[in-house]
Protein backbone atom coordinates (compact mmCIF):
# COMPACT_ATOMS: atom_id res chain seq x y z
CA UNK A 1 22.31 9.88 1.43
CA UNK A 2 24.29 6.70 1.96
CA UNK A 3 26.47 5.95 -1.14
CA UNK A 4 25.09 3.29 -3.71
CA UNK A 5 21.52 3.67 -2.09
CA UNK A 6 19.13 2.74 -4.64
CA UNK A 7 15.47 3.14 -5.08
CA UNK A 8 12.83 0.49 -4.44
CA UNK A 9 9.86 0.92 -6.67
CA UNK A 10 6.44 -0.61 -6.80
CA UNK A 11 3.53 -0.16 -9.06
CA UNK A 12 -0.16 -0.07 -7.59
CA UNK A 13 -2.84 -2.23 -9.56
CA UNK A 14 -5.67 -0.25 -8.30
CA UNK A 15 -6.75 1.79 -11.50
CA UNK A 16 -6.15 5.14 -10.32
CA UNK A 17 -5.82 6.16 -14.10
CA UNK A 18 -9.53 5.47 -14.60
CA UNK A 19 -10.77 8.17 -12.27
CA UNK A 20 -13.33 10.54 -13.46
CA UNK A 21 -14.19 10.15 -17.18
CA UNK A 22 -10.91 8.41 -18.06
CA UNK A 23 -12.62 5.05 -18.18
CA UNK A 24 -14.57 6.50 -21.11
CA UNK A 25 -11.43 6.80 -23.15
CA UNK A 26 -11.41 4.45 -25.99
CA UNK A 27 -8.06 3.04 -24.84
CA UNK A 28 -9.04 2.62 -21.27
CA UNK A 29 -9.71 -1.42 -21.48
CA UNK A 30 -12.36 -0.87 -18.86
CA UNK A 31 -14.33 -3.80 -20.36
CA UNK A 32 -11.59 -6.08 -19.01
CA UNK A 33 -11.44 -4.60 -15.47
CA UNK A 34 -12.46 -7.84 -13.89
CA UNK A 35 -10.25 -10.03 -16.15
CA UNK A 36 -7.04 -11.05 -14.91
CA UNK A 37 -5.65 -10.06 -18.33
CA UNK A 38 -6.26 -6.51 -17.60
CA UNK A 39 -3.73 -6.73 -14.87
CA UNK A 40 -1.50 -9.36 -16.52
CA UNK A 41 -0.40 -6.70 -19.24
CA UNK A 42 0.44 -4.05 -16.56
CA UNK A 43 2.37 -6.65 -14.61
CA UNK A 44 4.39 -7.61 -17.49
CA UNK A 45 5.38 -3.72 -18.41
CA UNK A 46 6.50 -3.51 -14.51
CA UNK A 47 8.66 -6.52 -14.81
CA UNK A 48 10.02 -5.38 -18.10
CA UNK A 49 11.04 -2.15 -16.13
CA UNK A 50 12.46 -4.44 -13.22
CA UNK A 51 10.42 -2.99 -10.69
CA UNK A 52 10.46 -4.54 -7.25
CA UNK A 53 6.66 -5.29 -6.87
CA UNK A 54 3.35 -5.04 -7.87
CA UNK A 55 0.90 -3.71 -4.83
CA UNK A 56 -2.84 -4.25 -4.61
CA UNK A 57 -4.69 -2.12 -2.17
CA UNK A 58 -8.15 -3.64 -1.00
CA UNK A 59 -11.27 -2.93 0.77
CA UNK A 60 -14.19 -4.96 1.87
CA UNK A 61 -17.11 -2.84 1.16
CA UNK A 62 -18.64 -1.19 -1.69
CA UNK A 63 -19.87 2.54 -1.99
CA UNK A 64 -22.46 1.98 -4.57
CA UNK A 65 -22.78 5.84 -5.39
CA UNK A 66 -19.22 5.75 -6.60
CA UNK A 67 -20.06 3.55 -9.45
CA UNK A 68 -21.96 6.44 -11.14
CA UNK A 69 -18.83 7.78 -12.32
CA UNK A 70 -15.93 5.31 -11.77
CA UNK A 71 -15.14 1.75 -11.18
CA UNK A 72 -14.98 2.95 -7.50
CA UNK A 73 -13.96 0.31 -4.82
CA UNK A 74 -15.19 -2.62 -6.99
CA UNK A 75 -12.17 -5.13 -7.46
CA UNK A 76 -11.06 -8.73 -8.01
CA UNK A 77 -9.90 -10.25 -4.76
CA UNK A 78 -6.19 -9.31 -4.60
CA UNK A 79 -4.69 -12.49 -3.66
CA UNK A 80 -6.44 -14.51 -6.22
CA UNK A 81 -5.71 -11.81 -8.85
CA UNK A 82 -1.97 -11.96 -7.89
CA UNK A 83 -1.91 -15.64 -8.01
CA UNK A 84 -2.92 -15.57 -11.60
CA UNK A 85 -0.30 -12.81 -12.32
CA UNK A 86 2.28 -15.27 -10.83
CA UNK A 87 1.85 -17.55 -13.72
CA UNK A 88 2.57 -14.70 -16.29
CA UNK A 89 5.74 -13.21 -14.54
CA UNK A 90 9.04 -14.63 -13.26
CA UNK A 91 10.79 -12.04 -11.02
CA UNK A 92 8.50 -9.20 -9.91
CA UNK A 93 7.14 -9.18 -6.22
CA UNK A 94 3.56 -9.63 -5.74
CA UNK A 95 2.06 -7.68 -2.44
CA UNK A 96 -1.48 -8.57 -1.50
CA UNK A 97 -3.59 -6.94 1.10
CA UNK A 98 -5.54 -8.73 3.79
CA UNK A 99 -7.36 -7.36 6.65
CA UNK A 100 -6.68 -8.56 10.16
CA UNK A 101 -10.05 -7.33 11.43
CA UNK A 102 -12.35 -9.42 9.18
CA UNK A 103 -10.56 -12.83 8.58
CA UNK A 104 -9.01 -15.85 10.09
CA UNK A 105 -5.47 -16.25 10.83
CA UNK A 106 -5.10 -19.97 9.61
CA UNK A 107 -6.78 -19.15 6.38
CA UNK A 108 -4.75 -16.05 5.78
CA UNK A 109 -1.40 -17.85 6.81
CA UNK A 110 -2.40 -20.69 4.22
CA UNK A 111 -3.18 -18.33 1.53
CA UNK A 112 -0.01 -16.20 1.86
CA UNK A 113 2.17 -19.16 2.00
CA UNK A 114 0.33 -20.64 -1.09
CA UNK A 115 0.76 -17.53 -3.26
CA UNK A 116 4.60 -17.59 -2.07
CA UNK A 117 4.78 -21.40 -3.42
CA UNK A 118 3.02 -20.25 -6.64
CA UNK A 119 5.26 -17.42 -7.27
CA UNK A 120 8.42 -19.17 -6.19
CA UNK A 121 9.10 -16.71 -3.11
CA UNK A 122 7.62 -13.38 -4.62
CA UNK A 123 4.75 -12.96 -2.05
CA UNK A 124 4.51 -10.17 0.33
CA UNK A 125 1.40 -9.28 2.66
CA UNK A 126 0.19 -5.54 3.09
CA UNK A 127 -1.51 -5.84 6.72
CA UNK A 128 -4.44 -3.43 7.24
CA UNK A 129 -6.80 -3.25 9.95
CA UNK A 130 -9.87 -2.00 7.76
CA UNK A 131 -11.67 1.32 8.41
CA UNK A 132 -15.08 0.03 6.88
CA UNK A 133 -16.88 -3.01 6.15
CA UNK A 134 -18.05 -4.49 9.58
CA UNK A 135 -21.73 -4.71 8.22
CA UNK A 136 -20.54 -7.27 5.74
CA UNK A 137 -19.16 -9.70 8.43
CA UNK A 138 -21.43 -9.38 11.49
CA UNK A 139 -24.26 -7.09 12.96
CA UNK A 140 -21.46 -5.38 15.23
CA UNK A 141 -20.17 -2.04 14.48
CA UNK A 142 -16.71 -1.02 13.41
CA UNK A 143 -14.15 -1.64 16.42
CA UNK A 144 -12.20 1.27 17.53
CA UNK A 145 -8.72 1.89 16.12
CA UNK A 146 -7.16 0.80 19.22
CA UNK A 147 -9.25 -2.46 19.16
CA UNK A 148 -8.30 -3.21 15.62
CA UNK A 149 -4.59 -2.86 16.25
CA UNK A 150 -4.55 -4.94 19.41
CA UNK A 151 -6.04 -7.64 17.05
CA UNK A 152 -3.79 -7.00 14.32
CA UNK A 153 -0.79 -7.70 16.70
CA UNK A 154 -2.21 -11.00 17.85
CA UNK A 155 -3.26 -11.87 14.18
CA UNK A 156 0.14 -11.36 12.64
CA UNK A 157 1.86 -12.99 15.64
CA UNK A 158 -0.30 -16.19 14.89
CA UNK A 159 0.25 -16.08 11.29
CA UNK A 160 3.85 -15.94 11.83
CA UNK A 161 3.80 -18.71 14.37
CA UNK A 162 1.98 -20.72 11.72
CA UNK A 163 4.53 -20.27 9.28
CA UNK A 164 7.15 -21.57 11.65
CA UNK A 165 4.90 -24.55 12.54
CA UNK A 166 5.70 -26.35 9.21
CA UNK A 167 9.29 -25.21 8.40
CA UNK A 168 10.79 -25.51 4.98
CA UNK A 169 13.63 -27.49 6.71
CA UNK A 170 11.30 -30.38 7.50
CA UNK A 171 11.09 -31.26 3.83
CA UNK A 172 13.39 -34.00 3.10
CA UNK A 173 11.90 -36.02 0.11
CA UNK A 174 13.78 -38.99 1.00
CA UNK A 175 12.86 -41.38 -1.92
CA UNK A 176 15.09 -44.32 -0.53
CA UNK A 177 13.82 -44.31 3.01
CA UNK A 178 10.38 -43.48 2.24
CA UNK A 179 10.55 -40.53 4.60
CA UNK A 180 8.68 -37.36 3.25
CA UNK A 181 9.37 -34.91 6.20
CA UNK A 182 11.03 -34.76 9.53
CA UNK A 183 7.60 -34.70 11.36
CA UNK A 184 9.29 -33.92 14.69
CA UNK A 185 10.06 -30.65 13.18
CA UNK A 186 6.43 -29.94 12.43
CA UNK A 187 4.81 -28.54 15.84
CA UNK A 188 1.49 -27.22 16.77
CA UNK A 189 1.35 -23.73 17.85
CA UNK A 190 -1.23 -24.04 20.76
CA UNK A 191 -2.10 -20.51 20.51
CA UNK A 192 -4.54 -19.33 23.26
CA UNK A 193 -5.04 -15.40 22.97
CA UNK A 194 -7.71 -12.62 23.43
CA UNK A 195 -8.94 -12.99 19.94
CA UNK A 196 -7.77 -16.37 18.88
CA UNK A 197 -7.47 -19.90 19.93
CA UNK A 198 -5.74 -21.88 17.36
CA UNK A 199 -3.78 -25.29 17.58
CA UNK A 200 -2.05 -25.59 14.29
CA UNK A 201 0.14 -26.87 12.65
CA UNK A 202 -0.51 -25.22 9.25
CA UNK A 203 -1.10 -27.48 6.58
CA UNK A 204 1.32 -26.06 3.91
CA UNK A 205 5.20 -25.73 4.39
CA UNK A 206 7.01 -22.50 4.42
CA UNK A 207 8.79 -21.60 1.19
CA UNK A 208 12.25 -21.57 2.06
CA UNK A 209 13.59 -20.14 5.55
CA UNK A 210 13.09 -16.40 4.59
CA UNK A 211 9.96 -14.72 5.89
CA UNK A 212 7.31 -12.94 3.58
CA UNK A 213 8.05 -9.40 3.52
CA UNK A 214 5.34 -7.47 5.73
CA UNK A 215 3.92 -4.15 4.44
CA UNK A 216 1.69 -1.82 6.69
CA UNK A 217 -0.54 1.08 5.58
CA UNK A 218 -1.19 3.37 8.38
CA UNK A 219 0.57 6.43 9.74
CA UNK A 220 -1.38 7.00 12.86
CA UNK A 221 0.65 6.73 16.43
CA UNK A 222 -0.82 2.90 16.66
CA UNK A 223 0.03 2.33 12.90
CA UNK A 224 3.29 3.51 13.39
CA UNK A 225 4.10 1.40 16.48
CA UNK A 226 2.60 -1.72 14.90
CA UNK A 227 4.79 -1.05 11.69
CA UNK A 228 8.03 -0.34 13.80
CA UNK A 229 7.50 -3.57 15.73
CA UNK A 230 6.35 -5.71 12.74
CA UNK A 231 6.71 -4.50 9.33
CA UNK A 232 9.62 -4.43 6.63
CA UNK A 233 7.92 -1.57 4.83
CA UNK A 234 5.23 1.06 5.14
CA UNK A 235 2.87 2.34 2.16
CA UNK A 236 2.70 5.85 3.39
CA UNK A 237 0.64 8.94 2.75
CA UNK A 238 3.14 11.80 2.91
CA UNK A 239 1.71 14.58 0.80
CA UNK A 240 4.98 16.85 1.32
CA UNK A 241 8.66 16.18 1.65
CA UNK A 242 8.88 17.29 5.37
CA UNK A 243 6.06 14.83 6.33
CA UNK A 244 8.15 12.00 4.54
CA UNK A 245 11.11 12.86 6.49
CA UNK A 246 9.31 13.11 9.80
CA UNK A 247 7.56 9.81 9.16
CA UNK A 248 10.74 8.01 8.24
CA UNK A 249 12.81 9.35 10.84
CA UNK A 250 10.04 8.52 13.42
CA UNK A 251 9.58 4.95 12.10
CA UNK A 252 13.48 4.19 12.12
CA UNK A 253 13.67 5.54 15.72
CA UNK A 254 10.69 3.44 16.75
CA UNK A 255 12.25 0.31 15.18
CA UNK A 256 15.52 0.83 17.40
CA UNK A 257 13.09 0.90 20.57
CA UNK A 258 11.75 -2.36 19.41
CA UNK A 259 15.21 -3.89 19.16
CA UNK A 260 15.20 -3.89 15.42
CA UNK A 261 17.72 -1.70 13.40
CA UNK A 262 16.78 1.41 11.51
CA UNK A 263 17.46 -0.20 8.05
CA UNK A 264 14.91 -2.96 8.90
CA UNK A 265 11.91 -0.75 7.89
CA UNK A 266 11.30 1.05 4.68
CA UNK A 267 9.21 3.97 3.78
CA UNK A 268 7.39 3.78 0.48
CA UNK A 269 5.10 6.90 -0.19
CA UNK A 270 2.33 6.67 -2.83
CA UNK A 271 3.40 8.82 -5.77
CA UNK A 272 0.21 10.07 -7.51
CA UNK A 273 1.37 11.47 -10.67
CA UNK A 274 0.02 13.04 -13.68
CA UNK A 275 2.67 13.28 -16.39
CA UNK A 276 2.75 15.03 -19.98
CA UNK A 277 4.70 16.45 -22.34
CA UNK A 278 4.12 20.08 -20.61
CA UNK A 279 2.99 21.31 -17.44
CA UNK A 280 -0.18 22.48 -18.88
CA UNK A 281 -1.19 19.27 -20.42
CA UNK A 282 -0.63 17.64 -17.06
CA UNK A 283 -2.61 20.16 -15.01
CA UNK A 284 -5.49 19.46 -17.56
CA UNK A 285 -5.26 15.68 -16.87
CA UNK A 286 -5.34 16.36 -13.02
CA UNK A 287 -8.45 18.58 -13.46
CA UNK A 288 -10.42 16.29 -15.66
CA UNK A 289 -9.48 13.28 -13.43
CA UNK A 290 -11.37 15.21 -10.36
CA UNK A 291 -13.91 17.18 -12.44
CA UNK A 292 -16.70 14.71 -11.80
CA UNK A 293 -16.89 15.93 -8.08
CA UNK A 294 -19.59 18.52 -7.33
CA UNK A 295 -19.06 21.17 -4.73
CA UNK A 296 -21.59 19.49 -2.45
CA UNK A 297 -19.67 16.01 -2.93
CA UNK A 298 -16.34 17.85 -1.66
CA UNK A 299 -18.05 19.38 1.24
CA UNK A 300 -19.42 15.92 2.38
CA UNK A 301 -16.02 14.08 1.55
CA UNK A 302 -14.29 16.74 3.75
CA UNK A 303 -16.63 16.26 6.65
CA UNK A 304 -16.34 12.40 6.27
CA UNK A 305 -12.45 12.69 6.81
CA UNK A 306 -12.29 15.28 9.48
CA UNK A 307 -15.68 15.53 11.00
CA UNK A 308 -16.10 19.22 10.26
CA UNK A 309 -18.83 20.80 8.35
CA UNK A 310 -17.61 23.88 6.32
CA UNK A 311 -20.28 24.10 3.82
CA UNK A 312 -21.80 27.36 5.28
CA UNK A 313 -18.51 29.20 5.37
CA UNK A 314 -17.59 31.51 2.50
CA UNK A 315 -15.40 30.03 -0.09
CA UNK A 316 -12.53 32.95 0.63
CA UNK A 317 -12.58 32.21 4.32
CA UNK A 318 -9.38 30.95 5.75
CA UNK A 319 -9.72 27.68 7.74
CA UNK A 320 -7.44 27.84 10.68
CA UNK A 321 -6.36 25.32 13.33
CA UNK A 322 -8.71 27.13 16.08
CA UNK A 323 -11.60 25.83 14.13
CA UNK A 324 -10.59 22.29 14.14
CA UNK A 325 -12.99 19.88 15.92
CA UNK A 326 -12.06 17.90 18.87
CA UNK A 327 -8.99 15.70 18.24
CA UNK A 328 -10.42 13.10 20.29
CA UNK A 329 -13.63 12.58 18.10
CA UNK A 330 -14.19 9.36 16.28
CA UNK A 331 -13.09 9.51 12.54
CA UNK A 332 -12.87 6.92 9.83
CA UNK A 333 -9.08 7.05 9.47
CA UNK A 334 -6.91 8.79 12.17
CA UNK A 335 -4.04 8.71 9.38
CA UNK A 336 -6.15 10.73 6.73
CA UNK A 337 -7.77 13.19 9.33
CA UNK A 338 -4.32 13.98 10.53
CA UNK A 339 -2.99 14.94 7.05
CA UNK A 340 -5.73 17.47 6.74
CA UNK A 341 -5.22 18.83 10.24
CA UNK A 342 -1.57 19.15 9.42
CA UNK A 343 -2.36 20.88 6.13
CA UNK A 344 -4.78 23.52 7.97
CA UNK A 345 -2.40 24.21 10.65
CA UNK A 346 0.52 24.85 8.49
CA UNK A 347 -1.10 26.72 5.65
CA UNK A 348 -4.70 27.96 6.79
CA UNK A 349 -6.11 27.63 3.25
CA UNK A 350 -9.48 29.30 2.07
CA UNK A 351 -12.42 26.80 1.99
CA UNK A 352 -11.97 26.98 -1.84
CA UNK A 353 -8.22 26.02 -1.72
CA UNK A 354 -9.01 23.42 0.82
CA UNK A 355 -11.67 21.72 -1.34
CA UNK A 356 -9.17 21.38 -4.26
CA UNK A 357 -6.21 19.96 -2.43
CA UNK A 358 -5.62 16.15 -3.17
CA UNK A 359 -5.89 15.12 0.36
CA UNK A 360 -9.77 15.88 -0.09
CA UNK A 361 -10.51 15.35 -3.72
CA UNK A 362 -7.77 12.75 -4.58
CA UNK A 363 -5.82 11.04 -1.72
CA UNK A 364 -3.33 12.27 0.91
CA UNK A 365 -0.43 11.02 -1.36
CA UNK A 366 2.56 12.75 -2.64
CA UNK A 367 1.56 14.47 -5.89
CA UNK A 368 3.35 15.28 -8.99
CA UNK A 369 1.66 17.04 -11.90
CA UNK A 370 3.99 18.09 -14.69
CA UNK A 371 6.77 16.61 -17.05
CA UNK A 372 8.80 13.59 -16.73
CA UNK A 373 11.90 15.86 -16.05
CA UNK A 374 9.61 17.20 -13.10
CA UNK A 375 8.82 14.06 -11.48
CA UNK A 376 12.56 13.03 -12.18
CA UNK A 377 13.87 16.18 -10.20
CA UNK A 378 10.96 15.54 -7.38
CA UNK A 379 11.92 12.00 -6.79
CA UNK A 380 15.62 12.83 -6.50
CA UNK A 381 14.91 15.69 -4.09
CA UNK A 382 12.87 13.48 -1.77
CA UNK A 383 15.47 10.50 -1.97
CA UNK A 384 18.25 12.70 -1.30
CA UNK A 385 16.44 14.28 1.74
CA UNK A 386 15.70 10.77 2.90
CA UNK A 387 12.13 11.18 2.87
CA UNK A 388 11.69 8.01 1.48
CA UNK A 389 13.25 4.60 0.48
CA UNK A 390 11.52 4.14 -2.65
CA UNK A 391 7.70 4.85 -3.98
CA UNK A 392 4.64 3.04 -5.01
CA UNK A 393 3.62 4.40 -8.35
CA UNK A 394 -0.05 5.64 -8.39
CA UNK A 395 -0.72 6.78 -11.98
CA UNK A 396 -3.28 9.36 -12.63
CA UNK A 397 -3.83 8.54 -16.57
CA UNK A 398 -3.09 5.88 -19.17
CA UNK A 399 -0.62 8.47 -20.79
CA UNK A 400 1.14 8.96 -17.36
CA UNK A 401 1.71 5.10 -17.18
CA UNK A 402 3.24 5.02 -20.70
CA UNK A 403 5.65 7.86 -19.73
CA UNK A 404 6.32 6.45 -16.29
CA UNK A 405 7.67 3.15 -17.92
CA UNK A 406 9.05 4.47 -21.30
CA UNK A 407 10.82 7.72 -19.90
CA UNK A 408 11.04 8.25 -16.14
CA UNK A 409 12.10 4.51 -15.39
CA UNK A 410 14.87 4.64 -17.87
CA UNK A 411 15.99 8.14 -16.37
CA UNK A 412 16.22 6.98 -12.98
CA UNK A 413 18.25 3.91 -14.41
CA UNK A 414 20.74 6.11 -15.94
CA UNK A 415 21.30 8.20 -12.89
CA UNK A 416 22.17 4.96 -11.14
CA UNK A 417 19.38 5.34 -8.84
CA UNK A 418 17.52 1.98 -9.97
CA UNK A 419 18.51 -1.36 -11.27
CA UNK A 420 19.37 -2.23 -15.03
CA UNK A 421 18.66 -5.88 -14.19
CA UNK A 422 17.08 -8.24 -11.37
CA UNK A 423 19.87 -9.71 -9.15
CA UNK A 424 17.62 -11.82 -7.41
CA UNK A 425 14.43 -13.68 -8.13
CA UNK A 426 12.40 -13.28 -4.74
CA UNK A 427 10.88 -10.46 -3.16
CA UNK A 428 13.05 -10.67 -0.11
CA UNK A 429 15.95 -10.34 -2.38
CA UNK A 430 14.56 -7.36 -4.21
CA UNK A 431 13.92 -5.33 -1.20
CA UNK A 432 16.92 -6.73 0.80
CA UNK A 433 14.92 -8.54 3.43
CA UNK A 434 16.44 -11.73 4.57
CA UNK A 435 15.20 -12.03 7.98
CA UNK A 436 14.00 -15.61 9.18
CA UNK A 437 10.53 -16.26 9.98
C-alpha cells in the first residue's frame, strides 16, 4: 500500500437501515422519509465526520409488492433532494444518480451544472444505464445491455461537450465596459450522432474549469470498459476481497489502455454493515432485517437474478457450476448475475446456504456483521490489500449508523487512514480529481 494513502468514504442516502421491520421502530422517523429534513439530518452527521460525499442511488420504476414490508424503491428525486441538502451543508460532496437510457443529455447537463453551482462545486454524477423502467417512458421493451452502454457513451460525451460549450472562463462581468461574457468563447456543439442530434450551447456556464466527478455503477465487461474510459470512480459490488482486488486491478489496467493513468479511477465498494456491541447482537440485526422474506420469495428472487429455478431441489443439495444456465441468456443485471455465478463456481453452496447469502436476500455488496472492531479490521485488511480506494457506507440498522459515525470513523481517523478536517471545499478536491472538462 502506498505511503500516506487515505480512504475516501461516502454515505448512501438510500434507507438500507429501514429494511424488514426496522421502519416500524419508534426512532425510525419513517413518517418523514419523503421530507428533505430526513436526509439533511444524515447529511450533517456525515459532514461532521468529514466524509467525502453523500451518494444517492436511484431507479425509475416501482415494485408495488415491496411496499407491503418496506419503503422499497419509492424515493425523492435524487438531484432535487441533493439540491436541498446543498443549502444545509458546506463541504460534503453530493453525488446524484441519473440514467442515460431515459433522459435528455441537454436537460441532464443543465441539472448537474445547476447542482454544481448551488453547492459551490460539490456535485458528482453517478451514471447508470438502468435495468428496468422502460414501461414508464415508452411502449418499447428494455434495450439490451450493449445498446444501453452504446447510448451511455454518446450521452456522456454530449453532456461533457455541453459543459464545455459555455466555459467558466467566458464569464468576465466587466461593469465598466458593460460586457458580461466573452461570447466568442461560447460555442454550439453541433452534435449529430446515432442517438442524439443537439446543437447547443448549454444555457448555464460551467462552475470553474474542473469537471464534475463521474461515478459509474456496473461491473459487467461493458460496464468496466465504460468506467475505465469515462469514470473517476466506480460504485462496486464486490462481496469478497478477491473480487475487489480483481475489479480494481482490471479497471486500472483498462484505464491505461484508454490512455489514462491507473490512479485516474477509484474503486468504492458498497459496505453493507450491521454493527453492535457484540457479534451475536449484530447477527440478530442482520437476521431481523431479512426475516420478512419467505422461502418462496427467495426462490423467486434468485430466479429473477440468474434465470435458474431451484425451487424443486432439496435444501441440502449443492448447487454446482454444471447446473448454471447458459451464460448468454438474457438477465436483468449482468453484474449481479455474475456475482452469483462466481459464488456457485467457487463455493458450491447448498440450496439453503445459497438462499441465505447477501447476494440473494440482501445485495451483492461487501458485508460486515459484527462489532466496530470487526469492521475496522476488515476495512484495514481490504485497504492494505488494495481491494478498494474507499467505500460507500450502506448501514443495515439505525444503531449501525450511530456506531459508524460515533466510533468507526474516529478509529479510522486515529489510525491515520481518514482525514481529521477537510482540506478543500469541492468534490474534486476531496477525491483528488482535478481534470479539466
